C-alpha atoms as a PDB file:
ATOM      1  CA  UNK A   1       0.000   0.000   0.000  1.00  0.00           C
ATOM      2  CA  UNK A   2       2.805   2.388   0.884  1.00  0.00           C
ATOM      3  CA  UNK A   3       4.505   1.600  -2.441  1.00  0.00           C
ATOM      4  CA  UNK A   4       1.286   2.353  -4.357  1.00  0.00           C
ATOM      5  CA  UNK A   5       0.831   5.620  -2.473  1.00  0.00           C
ATOM      6  CA  UNK A   6       4.389   6.659  -3.391  1.00  0.00           C
ATOM      7  CA  UNK A   7       3.705   5.887  -7.057  1.00  0.00           C
ATOM      8  CA  UNK A   8       0.492   7.909  -6.930  1.00  0.00           C
ATOM      9  CA  UNK A   9       2.346  10.837  -5.333  1.00  0.00           C
ATOM     10  CA  UNK A  10       5.066  10.713  -8.005  1.00  0.00           C
ATOM     11  CA  UNK A  11       2.455  10.636 -10.796  1.00  0.00           C
ATOM     12  CA  UNK A  12       0.698  13.605  -9.223  1.00  0.00           C
ATOM     13  CA  UNK A  13       3.959  15.571  -9.032  1.00  0.00           C
ATOM     14  CA  UNK A  14       4.797  14.669 -12.666  1.00  0.00           C
ATOM     15  CA  UNK A  15       1.390  15.911 -13.810  1.00  0.00           C
ATOM     16  CA  UNK A  16       1.888  19.160 -11.911  1.00  0.00           C
ATOM     17  CA  UNK A  17       5.332  19.640 -13.498  1.00  0.00           C
ATOM     18  CA  UNK A  18       3.936  18.926 -16.997  1.00  0.00           C
ATOM     19  CA  UNK A  19       0.998  21.261 -16.394  1.00  0.00           C
ATOM     20  CA  UNK A  20       3.293  24.033 -15.143  1.00  0.00           C
ATOM     21  CA  UNK A  21       5.655  23.576 -18.107  1.00  0.00           C
ATOM     22  CA  UNK A  22       2.797  23.683 -20.632  1.00  0.00           C
ATOM     23  CA  UNK A  23       1.461  26.873 -19.030  1.00  0.00           C
ATOM     24  CA  UNK A  24       4.902  28.481 -19.193  1.00  0.00           C
ATOM     25  CA  UNK A  25       5.243  27.490 -22.863  1.00  0.00           C
ATOM     26  CA  UNK A  26       1.807  28.934 -23.650  1.00  0.00           C
ATOM     27  CA  UNK A  27       2.659  32.158 -21.829  1.00  0.00           C
ATOM     28  CA  UNK A  28       5.990  32.395 -23.642  1.00  0.00           C
ATOM     29  CA  UNK A  29       4.433  32.033 -27.101  1.00  0.00           C
ATOM     30  CA  UNK A  30       1.545  34.316 -26.156  1.00  0.00           C
ATOM     31  CA  UNK A  31       4.031  37.037 -25.184  1.00  0.00           C
ATOM     32  CA  UNK A  32       5.966  36.509 -28.434  1.00  0.00           C
ATOM     33  CA  UNK A  33       2.762  36.778 -30.473  1.00  0.00           C
ATOM     34  CA  UNK A  34       1.733  39.879 -28.545  1.00  0.00           C
ATOM     35  CA  UNK A  35       5.104  41.536 -29.253  1.00  0.00           C
ATOM     36  CA  UNK A  36       4.958  40.581 -32.932  1.00  0.00           C
ATOM     37  CA  UNK A  37       1.364  41.840 -33.248  1.00  0.00           C
ATOM     38  CA  UNK A  38       2.220  45.115 -31.508  1.00  0.00           C
ATOM     39  CA  UNK A  39       5.185  45.731 -33.824  1.00  0.00           C
ATOM     40  CA  UNK A  40       3.056  44.935 -36.897  1.00  0.00           C
ATOM     41  CA  UNK A  41       0.250  47.279 -35.806  1.00  0.00           C
ATOM     42  CA  UNK A  42       2.790  50.024 -35.010  1.00  0.00           C
ATOM     43  CA  UNK A  43       4.414  49.725 -38.454  1.00  0.00           C
ATOM     44  CA  UNK A  44       1.053  49.711 -40.259  1.00  0.00           C
ATOM     45  CA  UNK A  45      -0.228  52.687 -38.262  1.00  0.00           C
ATOM     46  CA  UNK A  46       2.989  54.650 -38.860  1.00  0.00           C
ATOM     47  CA  UNK A  47       2.801  53.913 -42.592  1.00  0.00           C
ATOM     48  CA  UNK A  48      -0.836  55.002 -42.712  1.00  0.00           C
ATOM     49  CA  UNK A  49      -0.190  58.254 -40.836  1.00  0.00           C
ATOM     50  CA  UNK A  50       2.905  59.084 -42.903  1.00  0.00           C
ATOM     51  CA  UNK A  51       0.910  58.639 -46.106  1.00  0.00           C
ATOM     52  CA  UNK A  52      -1.180  61.667 -45.040  1.00  0.00           C
ATOM     53  CA  UNK A  53       1.851  63.836 -44.199  1.00  0.00           C
ATOM     54  CA  UNK A  54       3.953  66.190 -46.263  1.00  0.00           C
ATOM     55  CA  UNK A  55       7.667  65.549 -46.751  1.00  0.00           C
ATOM     56  CA  UNK A  56       8.553  68.213 -44.176  1.00  0.00           C
ATOM     57  CA  UNK A  57       6.140  66.751 -41.649  1.00  0.00           C
ATOM     58  CA  UNK A  58       7.613  63.251 -42.130  1.00  0.00           C
ATOM     59  CA  UNK A  59      11.178  64.508 -41.597  1.00  0.00           C
ATOM     60  CA  UNK A  60      10.249  66.520 -38.511  1.00  0.00           C
ATOM     61  CA  UNK A  61       7.995  63.932 -36.858  1.00  0.00           C
ATOM     62  CA  UNK A  62       8.177  60.489 -38.458  1.00  0.00           C
ATOM     63  CA  UNK A  63       6.206  58.597 -35.819  1.00  0.00           C
ATOM     64  CA  UNK A  64       3.869  61.353 -34.690  1.00  0.00           C
ATOM     65  CA  UNK A  65       0.390  62.477 -35.674  1.00  0.00           C
ATOM     66  CA  UNK A  66       0.116  64.485 -38.907  1.00  0.00           C
ATOM     67  CA  UNK A  67       0.063  68.246 -38.455  1.00  0.00           C
ATOM     68  CA  UNK A  68      -2.746  68.316 -41.022  1.00  0.00           C
ATOM     69  CA  UNK A  69      -4.165  65.376 -42.929  1.00  0.00           C
ATOM     70  CA  UNK A  70      -3.310  65.776 -46.598  1.00  0.00           C
ATOM     71  CA  UNK A  71      -4.249  63.682 -49.639  1.00  0.00           C
ATOM     72  CA  UNK A  72      -1.515  65.257 -51.772  1.00  0.00           C
ATOM     73  CA  UNK A  73       0.540  62.044 -51.771  1.00  0.00           C
ATOM     74  CA  UNK A  74      -2.362  60.006 -53.154  1.00  0.00           C
ATOM     75  CA  UNK A  75      -3.218  62.676 -55.742  1.00  0.00           C
ATOM     76  CA  UNK A  76       0.410  62.915 -56.834  1.00  0.00           C
ATOM     77  CA  UNK A  77       0.869  59.193 -57.174  1.00  0.00           C
ATOM     78  CA  UNK A  78      -2.048  58.875 -59.605  1.00  0.00           C
ATOM     79  CA  UNK A  79      -1.591  62.126 -61.551  1.00  0.00           C
ATOM     80  CA  UNK A  80       2.179  62.422 -61.941  1.00  0.00           C
ATOM     81  CA  UNK A  81       2.987  58.754 -62.443  1.00  0.00           C
ATOM     82  CA  UNK A  82       1.471  55.653 -64.054  1.00  0.00           C
ATOM     83  CA  UNK A  83       0.539  54.153 -60.696  1.00  0.00           C
ATOM     84  CA  UNK A  84      -3.001  53.510 -61.886  1.00  0.00           C
ATOM     85  CA  UNK A  85      -1.539  51.476 -64.755  1.00  0.00           C
ATOM     86  CA  UNK A  86       0.652  49.509 -62.314  1.00  0.00           C
ATOM     87  CA  UNK A  87      -2.384  48.881 -60.100  1.00  0.00           C
ATOM     88  CA  UNK A  88      -4.342  47.591 -63.111  1.00  0.00           C
ATOM     89  CA  UNK A  89      -1.410  45.342 -64.117  1.00  0.00           C
ATOM     90  CA  UNK A  90      -1.317  43.803 -60.646  1.00  0.00           C
ATOM     91  CA  UNK A  91      -5.078  43.186 -60.692  1.00  0.00           C
ATOM     92  CA  UNK A  92      -4.895  41.490 -64.121  1.00  0.00           C
ATOM     93  CA  UNK A  93      -1.910  39.346 -63.139  1.00  0.00           C
ATOM     94  CA  UNK A  94      -3.368  38.334 -59.773  1.00  0.00           C
ATOM     95  CA  UNK A  95      -6.889  37.718 -61.059  1.00  0.00           C
ATOM     96  CA  UNK A  96      -5.945  35.717 -64.142  1.00  0.00           C
ATOM     97  CA  UNK A  97      -3.049  33.899 -62.474  1.00  0.00           C
ATOM     98  CA  UNK A  98      -5.135  32.895 -59.450  1.00  0.00           C
ATOM     99  CA  UNK A  99      -8.077  31.744 -61.594  1.00  0.00           C
ATOM    100  CA  UNK A 100      -5.808  29.655 -63.802  1.00  0.00           C
ATOM    101  CA  UNK A 101      -3.963  28.179 -60.845  1.00  0.00           C
ATOM    102  CA  UNK A 102      -7.170  27.191 -59.025  1.00  0.00           C
ATOM    103  CA  UNK A 103      -8.713  25.559 -62.108  1.00  0.00           C
ATOM    104  CA  UNK A 104      -5.558  23.656 -63.101  1.00  0.00           C
ATOM    105  CA  UNK A 105      -4.862  22.557 -59.522  1.00  0.00           C
ATOM    106  CA  UNK A 106      -8.444  21.403 -58.934  1.00  0.00           C
ATOM    107  CA  UNK A 107      -8.536  19.369 -62.179  1.00  0.00           C
ATOM    108  CA  UNK A 108      -5.117  17.847 -61.531  1.00  0.00           C
ATOM    109  CA  UNK A 109      -5.880  16.981 -57.907  1.00  0.00           C
ATOM    110  CA  UNK A 110      -9.233  15.491 -58.908  1.00  0.00           C
ATOM    111  CA  UNK A 111      -7.540  13.170 -61.392  1.00  0.00           C
ATOM    112  CA  UNK A 112      -4.878  12.089 -58.898  1.00  0.00           C
ATOM    113  CA  UNK A 113      -7.307  11.577 -56.014  1.00  0.00           C
ATOM    114  CA  UNK A 114     -10.117   9.782 -57.856  1.00  0.00           C
ATOM    115  CA  UNK A 115      -8.424   7.627 -60.511  1.00  0.00           C
ATOM    116  CA  UNK A 116      -5.856   4.847 -60.573  1.00  0.00           C
ATOM    117  CA  UNK A 117      -3.274   4.965 -63.363  1.00  0.00           C
ATOM    118  CA  UNK A 118       0.360   4.136 -64.070  1.00  0.00           C
ATOM    119  CA  UNK A 119       2.761   6.707 -62.745  1.00  0.00           C
ATOM    120  CA  UNK A 120       0.366   8.026 -60.088  1.00  0.00           C
ATOM    121  CA  UNK A 121       2.935   7.760 -57.229  1.00  0.00           C
ATOM    122  CA  UNK A 122       5.511   9.537 -59.383  1.00  0.00           C
ATOM    123  CA  UNK A 123       3.071  12.326 -60.233  1.00  0.00           C
ATOM    124  CA  UNK A 124       2.147  12.784 -56.574  1.00  0.00           C
ATOM    125  CA  UNK A 125       5.822  12.930 -55.607  1.00  0.00           C
ATOM    126  CA  UNK A 126       6.474  15.370 -58.450  1.00  0.00           C
ATOM    127  CA  UNK A 127       4.099  17.936 -56.973  1.00  0.00           C
ATOM    128  CA  UNK A 128       5.439  17.346 -53.463  1.00  0.00           C
ATOM    129  CA  UNK A 129       8.989  17.974 -54.668  1.00  0.00           C
ATOM    130  CA  UNK A 130       7.736  21.096 -56.415  1.00  0.00           C
ATOM    131  CA  UNK A 131       7.039  22.623 -52.995  1.00  0.00           C
ATOM    132  CA  UNK A 132      10.572  21.916 -51.799  1.00  0.00           C
ATOM    133  CA  UNK A 133      12.478  23.915 -54.396  1.00  0.00           C
ATOM    134  CA  UNK A 134      12.533  27.722 -54.424  1.00  0.00           C
ATOM    135  CA  UNK A 135      11.137  29.557 -57.422  1.00  0.00           C
ATOM    136  CA  UNK A 136      14.600  30.943 -58.208  1.00  0.00           C
ATOM    137  CA  UNK A 137      15.611  27.480 -59.456  1.00  0.00           C
ATOM    138  CA  UNK A 138      13.169  27.719 -62.375  1.00  0.00           C
ATOM    139  CA  UNK A 139      13.812  31.344 -63.361  1.00  0.00           C
ATOM    140  CA  UNK A 140      16.397  30.652 -66.082  1.00  0.00           C
ATOM    141  CA  UNK A 141      14.345  27.952 -67.875  1.00  0.00           C
ATOM    142  CA  UNK A 142      11.232  30.142 -67.643  1.00  0.00           C
ATOM    143  CA  UNK A 143      13.146  33.115 -69.016  1.00  0.00           C
ATOM    144  CA  UNK A 144      14.363  31.090 -72.025  1.00  0.00           C
ATOM    145  CA  UNK A 145      10.916  29.562 -72.696  1.00  0.00           C
ATOM    146  CA  UNK A 146       9.103  32.909 -72.549  1.00  0.00           C
ATOM    147  CA  UNK A 147      11.724  34.496 -74.787  1.00  0.00           C
ATOM    148  CA  UNK A 148      11.287  31.787 -77.430  1.00  0.00           C
ATOM    149  CA  UNK A 149       7.503  32.166 -77.230  1.00  0.00           C
ATOM    150  CA  UNK A 150       7.816  35.971 -77.568  1.00  0.00           C
ATOM    151  CA  UNK A 151       6.106  36.375 -74.165  1.00  0.00           C
ATOM    152  CA  UNK A 152       9.005  37.949 -72.292  1.00  0.00           C
ATOM    153  CA  UNK A 153       8.194  41.384 -70.816  1.00  0.00           C
ATOM    154  CA  UNK A 154       4.497  40.734 -71.435  1.00  0.00           C
ATOM    155  CA  UNK A 155       1.689  40.187 -68.921  1.00  0.00           C
ATOM    156  CA  UNK A 156       0.355  36.963 -70.569  1.00  0.00           C
ATOM    157  CA  UNK A 157       3.771  35.357 -70.092  1.00  0.00           C
ATOM    158  CA  UNK A 158       3.802  35.981 -66.342  1.00  0.00           C
ATOM    159  CA  UNK A 159       0.145  34.918 -66.106  1.00  0.00           C
ATOM    160  CA  UNK A 160       1.131  31.534 -67.576  1.00  0.00           C
ATOM    161  CA  UNK A 161       3.942  31.255 -65.024  1.00  0.00           C
ATOM    162  CA  UNK A 162       1.583  32.046 -62.142  1.00  0.00           C
ATOM    163  CA  UNK A 163      -1.126  29.678 -63.427  1.00  0.00           C
ATOM    164  CA  UNK A 164       1.384  26.807 -63.649  1.00  0.00           C
ATOM    165  CA  UNK A 165       2.584  27.162 -60.052  1.00  0.00           C
ATOM    166  CA  UNK A 166       0.138  24.582 -58.717  1.00  0.00           C
ATOM    167  CA  UNK A 167       2.204  22.329 -56.426  1.00  0.00           C
ATOM    168  CA  UNK A 168       0.832  23.567 -53.082  1.00  0.00           C
ATOM    169  CA  UNK A 169      -2.664  24.023 -54.497  1.00  0.00           C
ATOM    170  CA  UNK A 170      -2.728  20.452 -55.835  1.00  0.00           C
ATOM    171  CA  UNK A 171      -1.684  19.133 -52.426  1.00  0.00           C
ATOM    172  CA  UNK A 172      -4.490  21.050 -50.645  1.00  0.00           C
ATOM    173  CA  UNK A 173      -7.163  20.012 -53.161  1.00  0.00           C
ATOM    174  CA  UNK A 174      -5.973  16.423 -53.191  1.00  0.00           C
ATOM    175  CA  UNK A 175      -6.279  16.162 -49.407  1.00  0.00           C
ATOM    176  CA  UNK A 176      -9.862  17.367 -49.616  1.00  0.00           C
ATOM    177  CA  UNK A 177     -10.949  15.245 -52.599  1.00  0.00           C
ATOM    178  CA  UNK A 178      -9.875  12.101 -50.783  1.00  0.00           C
ATOM    179  CA  UNK A 179     -12.451  12.877 -48.069  1.00  0.00           C
ATOM    180  CA  UNK A 180     -15.350  13.090 -50.548  1.00  0.00           C
ATOM    181  CA  UNK A 181     -17.127   9.690 -50.847  1.00  0.00           C
ATOM    182  CA  UNK A 182     -16.596   7.992 -54.211  1.00  0.00           C
ATOM    183  CA  UNK A 183     -20.222   6.832 -54.045  1.00  0.00           C
ATOM    184  CA  UNK A 184     -21.187  10.296 -55.310  1.00  0.00           C
ATOM    185  CA  UNK A 185     -19.149   9.742 -58.463  1.00  0.00           C
ATOM    186  CA  UNK A 186     -20.506   6.248 -59.014  1.00  0.00           C
ATOM    187  CA  UNK A 187     -24.145   7.249 -58.627  1.00  0.00           C
ATOM    188  CA  UNK A 188     -23.637  10.150 -61.040  1.00  0.00           C
ATOM    189  CA  UNK A 189     -22.054   7.819 -63.620  1.00  0.00           C
ATOM    190  CA  UNK A 190     -25.054   5.480 -63.337  1.00  0.00           C
ATOM    191  CA  UNK A 191     -27.239   8.461 -64.195  1.00  0.00           C
ATOM    192  CA  UNK A 192     -25.151   9.063 -67.324  1.00  0.00           C
ATOM    193  CA  UNK A 193     -23.068  12.005 -66.108  1.00  0.00           C
ATOM    194  CA  UNK A 194     -19.727  12.609 -67.800  1.00  0.00           C
ATOM    195  CA  UNK A 195     -16.492  12.988 -65.817  1.00  0.00           C
ATOM    196  CA  UNK A 196     -16.423  16.727 -66.460  1.00  0.00           C
ATOM    197  CA  UNK A 197     -20.012  17.079 -65.263  1.00  0.00           C
ATOM    198  CA  UNK A 198     -19.218  15.094 -62.111  1.00  0.00           C
ATOM    199  CA  UNK A 199     -16.321  17.412 -61.406  1.00  0.00           C
ATOM    200  CA  UNK A 200     -18.159  20.660 -62.196  1.00  0.00           C
ATOM    201  CA  UNK A 201     -21.598  19.956 -60.709  1.00  0.00           C
ATOM    202  CA  UNK A 202     -20.901  17.551 -57.838  1.00  0.00           C
ATOM    203  CA  UNK A 203     -17.323  17.886 -56.600  1.00  0.00           C
ATOM    204  CA  UNK A 204     -16.626  21.611 -57.015  1.00  0.00           C
ATOM    205  CA  UNK A 205     -19.711  22.826 -55.079  1.00  0.00           C
ATOM    206  CA  UNK A 206     -18.542  20.733 -52.116  1.00  0.00           C
ATOM    207  CA  UNK A 207     -15.125  22.365 -51.938  1.00  0.00           C
ATOM    208  CA  UNK A 208     -15.970  26.075 -51.791  1.00  0.00           C
ATOM    209  CA  UNK A 209     -13.991  26.604 -48.537  1.00  0.00           C
ATOM    210  CA  UNK A 210     -10.963  24.896 -50.087  1.00  0.00           C
ATOM    211  CA  UNK A 211     -11.280  26.968 -53.249  1.00  0.00           C
ATOM    212  CA  UNK A 212     -11.402  30.134 -51.117  1.00  0.00           C
ATOM    213  CA  UNK A 213      -8.327  28.990 -49.186  1.00  0.00           C
ATOM    214  CA  UNK A 214      -6.288  28.172 -52.297  1.00  0.00           C
ATOM    215  CA  UNK A 215      -7.414  31.344 -54.073  1.00  0.00           C
ATOM    216  CA  UNK A 216      -6.545  33.572 -51.119  1.00  0.00           C
ATOM    217  CA  UNK A 217      -3.106  32.020 -50.551  1.00  0.00           C
ATOM    218  CA  UNK A 218      -2.321  32.187 -54.281  1.00  0.00           C
ATOM    219  CA  UNK A 219      -3.635  35.729 -54.728  1.00  0.00           C
ATOM    220  CA  UNK A 220      -1.653  37.127 -51.786  1.00  0.00           C
ATOM    221  CA  UNK A 221       1.539  35.536 -53.089  1.00  0.00           C
ATOM    222  CA  UNK A 222       1.050  36.830 -56.620  1.00  0.00           C
ATOM    223  CA  UNK A 223      -0.066  40.312 -55.511  1.00  0.00           C
ATOM    224  CA  UNK A 224       3.049  40.740 -53.355  1.00  0.00           C
ATOM    225  CA  UNK A 225       5.442  38.979 -55.731  1.00  0.00           C
ATOM    226  CA  UNK A 226       8.518  41.015 -56.539  1.00  0.00           C
ATOM    227  CA  UNK A 227      11.098  38.574 -57.860  1.00  0.00           C
ATOM    228  CA  UNK A 228       9.282  37.111 -60.889  1.00  0.00           C
ATOM    229  CA  UNK A 229       8.013  40.449 -62.261  1.00  0.00           C
ATOM    230  CA  UNK A 230      11.476  41.944 -61.767  1.00  0.00           C
ATOM    231  CA  UNK A 231      13.040  39.198 -63.912  1.00  0.00           C
ATOM    232  CA  UNK A 232      10.285  38.580 -66.482  1.00  0.00           C
ATOM    233  CA  UNK A 233       8.771  42.067 -66.829  1.00  0.00           C
ATOM    234  CA  UNK A 234      11.292  44.690 -67.877  1.00  0.00           C
ATOM    235  CA  UNK A 235       9.160  47.373 -69.506  1.00  0.00           C
ATOM    236  CA  UNK A 236       7.784  50.335 -67.555  1.00  0.00           C
ATOM    237  CA  UNK A 237       4.257  49.851 -68.928  1.00  0.00           C
ATOM    238  CA  UNK A 238       4.041  46.326 -67.489  1.00  0.00           C
ATOM    239  CA  UNK A 239       5.317  47.119 -64.004  1.00  0.00           C
ATOM    240  CA  UNK A 240       3.422  45.801 -61.000  1.00  0.00           C
ATOM    241  CA  UNK A 241       2.865  47.506 -57.650  1.00  0.00           C
ATOM    242  CA  UNK A 242       5.869  45.886 -55.886  1.00  0.00           C
ATOM    243  CA  UNK A 243       8.135  47.053 -58.730  1.00  0.00           C
ATOM    244  CA  UNK A 244       6.688  50.569 -58.532  1.00  0.00           C
ATOM    245  CA  UNK A 245       7.273  50.701 -54.762  1.00  0.00           C
ATOM    246  CA  UNK A 246      10.834  49.461 -55.262  1.00  0.00           C
ATOM    247  CA  UNK A 247      11.383  52.253 -57.780  1.00  0.00           C
ATOM    248  CA  UNK A 248      10.102  54.843 -55.283  1.00  0.00           C
ATOM    249  CA  UNK A 249      12.298  53.459 -52.503  1.00  0.00           C
ATOM    250  CA  UNK A 250      15.376  53.788 -54.699  1.00  0.00           C
ATOM    251  CA  UNK A 251      14.753  57.542 -54.593  1.00  0.00           C
ATOM    252  CA  UNK A 252      13.203  57.656 -51.146  1.00  0.00           C
ATOM    253  CA  UNK A 253      14.169  61.258 -50.349  1.00  0.00           C
ATOM    254  CA  UNK A 254      12.440  62.451 -53.517  1.00  0.00           C
ATOM    255  CA  UNK A 255       9.385  60.177 -53.195  1.00  0.00           C
ATOM    256  CA  UNK A 256       9.190  59.958 -49.411  1.00  0.00           C
ATOM    257  CA  UNK A 257       5.490  60.706 -48.901  1.00  0.00           C
ATOM    258  CA  UNK A 258       4.550  58.996 -52.168  1.00  0.00           C
ATOM    259  CA  UNK A 259       6.281  55.805 -51.022  1.00  0.00           C
ATOM    260  CA  UNK A 260       4.092  55.549 -47.917  1.00  0.00           C
ATOM    261  CA  UNK A 261       0.964  56.190 -49.993  1.00  0.00           C
ATOM    262  CA  UNK A 262       1.992  53.503 -52.499  1.00  0.00           C
ATOM    263  CA  UNK A 263       2.518  50.957 -49.716  1.00  0.00           C
ATOM    264  CA  UNK A 264      -0.928  51.691 -48.253  1.00  0.00           C
ATOM    265  CA  UNK A 265      -2.636  51.383 -51.643  1.00  0.00           C
ATOM    266  CA  UNK A 266      -0.916  48.019 -52.105  1.00  0.00           C
ATOM    267  CA  UNK A 267      -1.886  46.770 -48.637  1.00  0.00           C
ATOM    268  CA  UNK A 268      -5.562  47.771 -48.609  1.00  0.00           C
ATOM    269  CA  UNK A 269      -6.888  45.192 -51.155  1.00  0.00           C
ATOM    270  CA  UNK A 270      -5.150  42.305 -49.377  1.00  0.00           C
ATOM    271  CA  UNK A 271      -6.392  43.405 -45.934  1.00  0.00           C
ATOM    272  CA  UNK A 272      -9.967  43.807 -47.215  1.00  0.00           C
ATOM    273  CA  UNK A 273      -9.949  40.433 -48.994  1.00  0.00           C
ATOM    274  CA  UNK A 274      -8.513  38.709 -45.927  1.00  0.00           C
ATOM    275  CA  UNK A 275     -11.200  40.022 -43.575  1.00  0.00           C
ATOM    276  CA  UNK A 276     -13.950  39.209 -46.082  1.00  0.00           C
ATOM    277  CA  UNK A 277     -12.790  35.616 -46.572  1.00  0.00           C
ATOM    278  CA  UNK A 278     -11.045  34.868 -43.261  1.00  0.00           C
ATOM    279  CA  UNK A 279     -13.808  32.468 -42.149  1.00  0.00           C
ATOM    280  CA  UNK A 280     -13.549  30.473 -45.376  1.00  0.00           C
ATOM    281  CA  UNK A 281      -9.762  30.421 -45.041  1.00  0.00           C
ATOM    282  CA  UNK A 282      -9.881  28.953 -41.525  1.00  0.00           C
ATOM    283  CA  UNK A 283     -12.659  26.527 -42.496  1.00  0.00           C
ATOM    284  CA  UNK A 284     -10.756  25.344 -45.551  1.00  0.00           C
ATOM    285  CA  UNK A 285      -7.491  24.748 -43.671  1.00  0.00           C
ATOM    286  CA  UNK A 286      -8.951  23.189 -40.509  1.00  0.00           C
ATOM    287  CA  UNK A 287     -11.580  21.213 -42.404  1.00  0.00           C
ATOM    288  CA  UNK A 288      -8.996  19.611 -44.661  1.00  0.00           C
ATOM    289  CA  UNK A 289      -6.682  18.927 -41.726  1.00  0.00           C
ATOM    290  CA  UNK A 290      -9.390  17.260 -39.609  1.00  0.00           C
ATOM    291  CA  UNK A 291     -10.867  15.182 -42.422  1.00  0.00           C
ATOM    292  CA  UNK A 292      -7.481  14.275 -43.888  1.00  0.00           C
END
């Protein structure tokens, strides 16, 4: 009896130690997240306030409240430069690239998840390996291909590049499609439905949260992309917003207030889209994780 009581006491102490350690770990990460969030909010707020300041006001009081709210920076950026054109370029690239990526990834993942064929393990591994290599590895081949196709320094060329970057999207879709019962496909085939109709009318409506997740992740990456447009888009008329901001930052003293305004204009669409579709994003990620 004494031996059993000692064992019980040790187990109780071990549980207390584990509980205390887990609380300390939670507190540690909570403090880290709080610090990171505070820094992010401070940077965003400073950028927003500076976008309404004059150059003199920014130099005299960088982190303070504007002496007088002014929209001159926003007016200047659209009247004295082709920022509206750059904004339109980014919308076209992001919209077309995201749409193409989602469609190609969904079709590819559907084929891998629902059918058995030779080379299926290799194809699955191919897309997994695609997530392991940085995009810089493929820049030279892409540059040569687009040049031979006369698509270098043109928006359609970069749209094709964005639409073909489907490795992560295929993985997310594939995880979800494996959770959808195959009985739905079989019953639809008995009714005479084609494979395309099964995909479009039965499978796709079930994966709206996943589509939102893939679209949001893809769109944010393409909207903020700097490296690929810098390499594949050389002309001024086909610049994107990140390239325009980079150009302003190279002459920061001259375009000081304009730079802050450009950053805010670039951030607003992503922030709005995130808050509009945040529920679908969480549902798509957690739903796939739980079911998978």
